[in-house]
Amino acid sequence: MRTASSGRCLGLENISAHTGGQSEDSLMSPEEGLIKAAHFLNNIIISEKSDGAWWV
């Protein structure tokens, strides 16, 4: 699975167990679990460059 090997490169060996990607959850397909996990992770990635510490 390409996604799993990509996750291993990032040090995320166990992420599929938490995303629904490899679980036996009958409420969600593996594809939907992966999509939801990707959306979640995209929302917490820092994308703006910092101007520096505001308290300095």
C-alpha atoms as a PDB file:
ATOM      1  CA  MET A   1       0.000   0.000   0.000  1.00  0.00           C
ATOM      2  CA  ARG A   2       1.609   3.234  -1.125  1.00  0.00           C
ATOM      3  CA  THR A   3       0.058   5.355   1.636  1.00  0.00           C
ATOM      4  CA  ALA A   4       1.359   3.062   4.368  1.00  0.00           C
ATOM      5  CA  SER A   5       4.891   3.128   2.988  1.00  0.00           C
ATOM      6  CA  SER A   6       4.741   6.926   2.750  1.00  0.00           C
ATOM      7  CA  GLY A   7       3.647   7.051   6.380  1.00  0.00           C
ATOM      8  CA  ARG A   8       6.588   4.881   7.403  1.00  0.00           C
ATOM      9  CA  CYS A   9       8.956   7.395   5.811  1.00  0.00           C
ATOM     10  CA  LEU A  10       7.461  10.056   8.072  1.00  0.00           C
ATOM     11  CA  GLY A  11       7.698   7.873  11.181  1.00  0.00           C
ATOM     12  CA  LEU A  12       3.970   7.148  11.219  1.00  0.00           C
ATOM     13  CA  GLU A  13       4.104   3.335  11.260  1.00  0.00           C
ATOM     14  CA  ASN A  14       0.915   2.924  13.280  1.00  0.00           C
ATOM     15  CA  ILE A  15      -1.201   5.667  11.742  1.00  0.00           C
ATOM     16  CA  SER A  16      -3.376   3.318   9.701  1.00  0.00           C
ATOM     17  CA  ALA A  17      -4.614   1.718  12.915  1.00  0.00           C
ATOM     18  CA  HIS A  18      -5.947   5.116  14.008  1.00  0.00           C
ATOM     19  CA  THR A  19      -7.368   6.371  10.706  1.00  0.00           C
ATOM     20  CA  GLY A  20      -9.736   3.568   9.802  1.00  0.00           C
ATOM     21  CA  GLY A  21      -7.483   2.655   6.909  1.00  0.00           C
ATOM     22  CA  GLN A  22      -6.826  -0.841   8.213  1.00  0.00           C
ATOM     23  CA  SER A  23      -9.407  -1.231  10.939  1.00  0.00           C
ATOM     24  CA  GLU A  24     -12.388  -3.535  10.897  1.00  0.00           C
ATOM     25  CA  ASP A  25     -14.798  -0.643  11.448  1.00  0.00           C
ATOM     26  CA  SER A  26     -18.083  -1.469   9.755  1.00  0.00           C
ATOM     27  CA  LEU A  27     -19.237   2.143  10.001  1.00  0.00           C
ATOM     28  CA  MET A  28     -16.639   3.532   7.588  1.00  0.00           C
ATOM     29  CA  SER A  29     -14.902   2.294   4.470  1.00  0.00           C
ATOM     30  CA  PRO A  30     -11.097   2.301   4.389  1.00  0.00           C
ATOM     31  CA  GLU A  31     -11.200   5.038   1.734  1.00  0.00           C
ATOM     32  CA  GLU A  32     -13.459   7.258   3.843  1.00  0.00           C
ATOM     33  CA  GLY A  33     -11.216   6.724   6.877  1.00  0.00           C
ATOM     34  CA  LEU A  34      -8.163   7.738   4.907  1.00  0.00           C
ATOM     35  CA  ILE A  35      -9.923  10.831   3.500  1.00  0.00           C
ATOM     36  CA  LYS A  36     -11.060  11.908   6.968  1.00  0.00           C
ATOM     37  CA  ALA A  37      -7.550  11.379   8.360  1.00  0.00           C
ATOM     38  CA  ALA A  38      -6.027  13.430   5.532  1.00  0.00           C
ATOM     39  CA  HIS A  39      -8.495  16.280   6.136  1.00  0.00           C
ATOM     40  CA  PHE A  40      -7.744  16.208   9.861  1.00  0.00           C
ATOM     41  CA  LEU A  41      -3.990  16.283   9.326  1.00  0.00           C
ATOM     42  CA  ASN A  42      -4.245  19.062   6.722  1.00  0.00           C
ATOM     43  CA  ASN A  43      -6.105  21.208   9.252  1.00  0.00           C
ATOM     44  CA  ILE A  44      -3.332  20.982  11.852  1.00  0.00           C
ATOM     45  CA  ILE A  45      -0.344  21.573   9.577  1.00  0.00           C
ATOM     46  CA  ILE A  46       1.282  24.963  10.152  1.00  0.00           C
ATOM     47  CA  SER A  47       1.366  26.771   6.820  1.00  0.00           C
ATOM     48  CA  GLU A  48       2.156  30.407   7.668  1.00  0.00           C
ATOM     49  CA  LYS A  49       5.733  31.520   8.162  1.00  0.00           C
ATOM     50  CA  SER A  50       6.417  32.985  11.576  1.00  0.00           C
ATOM     51  CA  ASP A  51       7.934  36.457  11.938  1.00  0.00           C
ATOM     52  CA  GLY A  52       9.669  35.264  15.082  1.00  0.00           C
ATOM     53  CA  ALA A  53       8.794  34.908  18.710  1.00  0.00           C
ATOM     54  CA  TRP A  54       6.310  37.583  19.726  1.00  0.00           C
ATOM     55  CA  TRP A  55       7.554  37.613  23.322  1.00  0.00           C
ATOM     56  CA  VAL A  56      11.134  38.578  22.459  1.00  0.00           C
END
